[in-house]
Amino acid sequence: MLENKEEQVIPLKHLVIMPDGDRRWARAKGLPTWEGHRRGAENIQGILEACQELGIPYLSMWGFSTENWKRGPEEVEQLMNLFRDFIKKKRDDIIKYKINFRHIGRKDRLAPDLLEGLTQLEKDTAHFTEWHYIVGLDYGGQDEVVRATKQIIEDVQAGKLQPDDITTDMFSEYLDTKGVPNPDFIIRTSGEQRTSGFMAYQSGYAELCFLPINFPDLTKQKLKEVVGEYYERQRRFGGS
C-alpha cells in the first residue's frame, strides 16, 4: 500500500519572459511603433522588482532575436538605441539592487559601443550572486546550439575533449547560459502560443504560459498572479 506523501513544491528559480506585443499595443492605441517599444522598456523595472519580491533569483528576457534583423532598418536602429538607453538609465538601479547582469546571444553583429556597454555592465555586476537578470540580444536558440556544437568540435579536434566526454550536462557548459539553472516557467505575452526557440535546449521541461495581453500591460500585480498559477501545477520531469 502506497503511503500518502505531501506533494513537493518546486521553487520557481528561473523565470523567462518573452515580452511580445509592443508594436500591437502601440497600433491599438494609434501610437507609433517606437512608443510601444519605449513603454515596454519602461515595464522592465516593475518586472525586476516583482521577481525580487517573489524571491525568484533568475529572470531572463528576450530583447532582440537573430531573426529580428529582418525588420526595417529604422525600427532596428530604434531598438538598438533603446538598449543603449536602458544600459545608461538602468545601470545604477541594477547595481543598487545587486543584480547580476548577463548578455546572451551573438557578440559579432552588435555595434561596438553597445557591446562595450553590455560587457562593462556584466563586469561591474559579476560579483552579485543573489539576483540575476539575463537578456537575450541577437539571440536565437538554434544559433546558440550551433555555436556550442562548433566549439565542442574545435575542442575535440584540439584534443581538449574526447567524444565520450560529451554528455547533456557537459553540452550545457558550452551554452550562453553556462551556470544558469534551466527555466522553470516561461511566459509569453501577446497571445502567441510558441516559444520561438528561446532557450531551446534548456527549456524542455519548463512550464508554459501564454498571456493574451501585450507586454506593456503586464503589470507587477498581473505577473504575481501568473506566478501563483505556476505553483498550482505539478511538475513530473518524465516521472509519474
Protein backbone atom coordinates (compact mmCIF):
# COMPACT_ATOMS: atom_id res chain seq x y z
CA MET A 1 0.00 0.00 0.00
CA LEU A 2 1.42 3.39 -1.00
CA GLU A 3 1.89 5.99 1.67
CA ASN A 4 0.35 9.39 1.13
CA LYS A 5 3.08 11.93 0.75
CA GLU A 6 2.73 15.66 0.61
CA GLU A 7 3.40 16.92 -2.90
CA GLN A 8 6.79 18.52 -3.28
CA VAL A 9 6.64 22.18 -4.24
CA ILE A 10 9.42 23.02 -6.67
CA PRO A 11 10.53 26.63 -6.17
CA LEU A 12 10.48 28.92 -9.17
CA LYS A 13 14.17 29.65 -9.58
CA HIS A 14 14.28 30.74 -13.21
CA LEU A 15 11.52 32.76 -14.84
CA VAL A 16 11.63 33.50 -18.56
CA ILE A 17 9.51 36.28 -20.03
CA MET A 18 9.11 36.72 -23.77
CA PRO A 19 7.95 40.35 -23.95
CA ASP A 20 5.91 40.24 -27.13
CA GLY A 21 3.31 42.72 -28.34
CA ASP A 22 4.91 46.16 -28.03
CA ARG A 23 4.03 47.04 -31.62
CA ARG A 24 0.49 45.67 -31.31
CA TRP A 25 -0.01 47.68 -28.13
CA ALA A 26 1.06 50.84 -29.93
CA ARG A 27 -1.10 50.20 -33.00
CA ALA A 28 -4.16 49.52 -30.84
CA LYS A 29 -3.73 52.95 -29.27
CA GLY A 30 -2.95 54.75 -32.51
CA LEU A 31 0.65 55.38 -31.45
CA PRO A 32 3.89 54.95 -33.39
CA THR A 33 5.76 51.65 -33.07
CA TRP A 34 8.55 53.37 -31.20
CA GLU A 35 6.19 54.33 -28.38
CA GLY A 36 5.24 50.69 -27.89
CA HIS A 37 8.88 49.65 -27.56
CA ARG A 38 9.51 52.54 -25.16
CA ARG A 39 6.60 51.63 -22.93
CA GLY A 40 7.71 48.00 -22.97
CA ALA A 41 11.19 49.03 -21.83
CA GLU A 42 9.68 51.08 -19.00
CA ASN A 43 7.83 47.97 -17.85
CA ILE A 44 11.03 46.05 -17.14
CA GLN A 45 11.69 47.84 -13.85
CA GLY A 46 8.43 46.57 -12.37
CA ILE A 47 9.19 43.04 -13.56
CA LEU A 48 12.58 43.11 -11.85
CA GLU A 49 11.02 44.39 -8.65
CA ALA A 50 8.33 41.71 -8.74
CA CYS A 51 10.93 38.95 -9.10
CA GLN A 52 12.80 40.15 -6.04
CA GLU A 53 9.58 40.46 -4.04
CA LEU A 54 8.59 36.93 -5.11
CA GLY A 55 12.02 35.50 -4.37
CA ILE A 56 12.76 34.47 -7.97
CA PRO A 57 16.55 34.60 -8.32
CA TYR A 58 16.81 34.30 -12.13
CA LEU A 59 14.90 36.36 -14.69
CA SER A 60 15.56 36.02 -18.41
CA MET A 61 14.04 38.19 -21.12
CA TRP A 62 14.34 38.17 -24.89
CA GLY A 63 15.18 41.60 -26.22
CA PHE A 64 16.16 41.01 -29.84
CA SER A 65 16.27 37.73 -31.75
CA THR A 66 18.62 36.62 -34.52
CA GLU A 67 15.62 36.94 -36.84
CA ASN A 68 14.73 40.48 -35.77
CA TRP A 69 17.42 41.84 -38.10
CA LYS A 70 14.84 41.25 -40.86
CA ARG A 71 12.79 44.17 -39.57
CA GLY A 72 13.07 47.57 -41.21
CA PRO A 73 16.40 49.37 -40.65
CA GLU A 74 14.69 52.26 -38.89
CA GLU A 75 12.99 50.02 -36.34
CA VAL A 76 16.19 48.02 -35.79
CA GLU A 77 18.11 51.21 -35.09
CA GLN A 78 15.37 52.40 -32.72
CA LEU A 79 15.60 49.13 -30.79
CA MET A 80 19.39 49.31 -30.58
CA ASN A 81 19.15 52.86 -29.27
CA LEU A 82 16.59 51.67 -26.74
CA PHE A 83 19.07 49.07 -25.48
CA ARG A 84 21.76 51.75 -25.25
CA ASP A 85 19.42 53.96 -23.22
CA PHE A 86 18.43 51.05 -20.99
CA ILE A 87 22.06 50.35 -20.07
CA LYS A 88 22.68 54.01 -19.28
CA LYS A 89 19.47 54.65 -17.35
CA LYS A 90 19.13 51.34 -15.50
CA ARG A 91 22.79 50.71 -14.79
CA ASP A 92 22.68 52.42 -11.37
CA ASP A 93 19.46 50.61 -10.38
CA ILE A 94 20.85 47.22 -11.41
CA ILE A 95 23.92 47.84 -9.26
CA LYS A 96 21.87 49.33 -6.41
CA TYR A 97 19.66 46.24 -6.21
CA LYS A 98 22.71 43.94 -6.56
CA ILE A 99 21.56 42.24 -9.74
CA ASN A 100 23.99 40.13 -11.72
CA PHE A 101 23.55 41.11 -15.37
CA ARG A 102 24.33 38.78 -18.27
CA HIS A 103 24.00 39.18 -22.02
CA ILE A 104 23.33 36.03 -24.04
CA GLY A 105 23.50 35.88 -27.81
CA ARG A 106 25.93 36.71 -30.56
CA LYS A 107 28.60 39.31 -29.97
CA ASP A 108 29.87 39.78 -33.52
CA ARG A 109 26.93 41.68 -35.02
CA LEU A 110 26.26 44.26 -32.32
CA ALA A 111 27.61 47.79 -32.62
CA PRO A 112 30.93 48.14 -30.73
CA ASP A 113 29.61 50.78 -28.33
CA LEU A 114 26.55 48.68 -27.45
CA LEU A 115 28.63 45.55 -26.94
CA GLU A 116 31.04 47.53 -24.77
CA GLY A 117 28.16 48.75 -22.61
CA LEU A 118 26.80 45.23 -22.17
CA THR A 119 30.23 43.81 -21.37
CA GLN A 120 31.02 46.54 -18.87
CA LEU A 121 27.73 46.04 -17.05
CA GLU A 122 28.47 42.31 -16.85
CA LYS A 123 31.87 43.04 -15.32
CA ASP A 124 30.50 45.58 -12.85
CA THR A 125 27.83 43.18 -11.56
CA ALA A 126 29.72 39.88 -11.78
CA HIS A 127 30.22 39.74 -8.01
CA PHE A 128 26.49 39.75 -7.26
CA THR A 129 25.14 36.25 -6.65
CA GLU A 130 21.59 36.51 -5.28
CA TRP A 131 19.69 38.09 -8.18
CA HIS A 132 20.29 37.53 -11.89
CA TYR A 133 18.95 39.34 -14.95
CA ILE A 134 19.71 37.69 -18.31
CA VAL A 135 18.98 39.47 -21.58
CA GLY A 136 18.90 37.80 -24.99
CA LEU A 137 20.20 40.28 -27.56
CA ASP A 138 20.87 38.98 -31.08
CA TYR A 139 19.94 35.65 -29.54
CA GLY A 140 18.40 32.55 -31.12
CA GLY A 141 18.06 29.13 -29.53
CA GLN A 142 19.13 27.25 -32.65
CA ASP A 143 22.00 29.64 -33.23
CA GLU A 144 23.17 29.08 -29.65
CA VAL A 145 23.18 25.28 -30.12
CA VAL A 146 25.09 25.58 -33.41
CA ARG A 147 27.71 27.86 -31.83
CA ALA A 148 28.10 25.47 -28.90
CA THR A 149 28.45 22.49 -31.25
CA LYS A 150 31.14 24.22 -33.29
CA GLN A 151 33.11 24.99 -30.12
CA ILE A 152 32.85 21.37 -28.98
CA ILE A 153 34.12 20.17 -32.37
CA GLU A 154 37.06 22.56 -32.15
CA ASP A 155 37.90 21.31 -28.65
CA VAL A 156 37.71 17.68 -29.79
CA GLN A 157 39.97 18.42 -32.74
CA ALA A 158 42.40 20.22 -30.43
CA GLY A 159 42.50 17.22 -28.10
CA LYS A 160 40.94 19.14 -25.23
CA LEU A 161 37.87 16.92 -25.25
CA GLN A 162 37.09 13.32 -26.14
CA PRO A 163 33.84 12.36 -27.90
CA ASP A 164 32.93 10.07 -25.00
CA ASP A 165 33.12 13.09 -22.69
CA ILE A 166 30.12 14.68 -24.36
CA THR A 167 27.03 14.46 -22.15
CA THR A 168 23.92 16.59 -21.75
CA ASP A 169 25.41 18.29 -18.70
CA MET A 170 28.71 18.90 -20.46
CA PHE A 171 26.93 20.32 -23.50
CA SER A 172 25.22 22.85 -21.24
CA GLU A 173 28.64 24.17 -20.26
CA TYR A 174 29.11 25.37 -23.84
CA LEU A 175 25.86 27.31 -23.97
CA ASP A 176 25.49 31.04 -23.31
CA THR A 177 23.61 30.14 -20.11
CA LYS A 178 26.51 28.24 -18.54
CA GLY A 179 25.97 28.12 -14.78
CA VAL A 180 22.33 29.19 -15.02
CA PRO A 181 19.58 26.75 -13.93
CA ASN A 182 17.20 25.64 -16.64
CA PRO A 183 13.99 27.66 -16.96
CA ASP A 184 11.11 26.62 -14.71
CA PHE A 185 8.41 28.86 -16.13
CA ILE A 186 8.15 30.62 -19.50
CA ILE A 187 5.64 33.41 -20.02
CA ARG A 188 4.92 34.85 -23.44
CA THR A 189 2.68 37.86 -23.87
CA SER A 190 0.54 38.99 -26.84
CA GLY A 191 -1.35 35.70 -27.27
CA GLU A 192 1.23 33.97 -29.48
CA GLN A 193 1.42 30.32 -28.40
CA ARG A 194 5.00 29.37 -29.21
CA THR A 195 8.42 29.78 -27.65
CA SER A 196 10.19 30.56 -30.94
CA GLY A 197 13.20 28.55 -29.78
CA PHE A 198 14.14 30.76 -26.83
CA MET A 199 16.50 28.65 -24.71
CA ALA A 200 15.50 25.69 -26.88
CA TYR A 201 17.99 23.27 -25.31
CA GLN A 202 17.36 24.41 -21.74
CA SER A 203 13.57 24.61 -21.63
CA GLY A 204 12.48 21.05 -22.37
CA TYR A 205 10.65 20.69 -19.04
CA ALA A 206 9.67 24.31 -18.46
CA GLU A 207 6.05 25.13 -17.70
CA LEU A 208 4.50 27.40 -20.33
CA CYS A 209 2.04 30.26 -20.04
CA PHE A 210 0.69 32.28 -22.98
CA LEU A 211 -0.96 35.53 -21.93
CA PRO A 212 -3.44 37.33 -24.22
CA ILE A 213 -2.19 40.74 -23.10
CA ASN A 214 0.63 42.72 -24.71
CA PHE A 215 3.83 43.22 -22.76
CA PRO A 216 3.29 46.89 -21.81
CA ASP A 217 0.14 45.70 -19.97
CA LEU A 218 1.98 43.07 -17.92
CA THR A 219 1.88 44.85 -14.57
CA LYS A 220 3.70 43.78 -11.44
CA GLN A 221 0.43 42.60 -9.90
CA LYS A 222 -0.53 40.61 -13.01
CA LEU A 223 2.86 38.91 -13.01
CA LYS A 224 2.41 37.91 -9.38
CA GLU A 225 -0.98 36.38 -10.21
CA VAL A 226 0.51 34.37 -13.07
CA VAL A 227 3.38 33.14 -10.89
CA GLY A 228 0.75 31.95 -8.42
CA GLU A 229 -0.61 29.77 -11.22
CA TYR A 230 2.82 28.16 -11.61
CA TYR A 231 2.70 26.92 -8.03
CA GLU A 232 -0.60 25.19 -8.72
CA ARG A 233 0.95 22.98 -11.39
CA GLN A 234 2.53 19.56 -10.95
CA ARG A 235 5.97 19.07 -12.48
CA ARG A 236 6.98 15.47 -13.11
CA PHE A 237 10.05 15.70 -15.37
CA GLY A 238 9.09 12.48 -17.13
CA GLY A 239 8.07 10.66 -13.96
CA SER A 240 4.63 9.81 -12.59
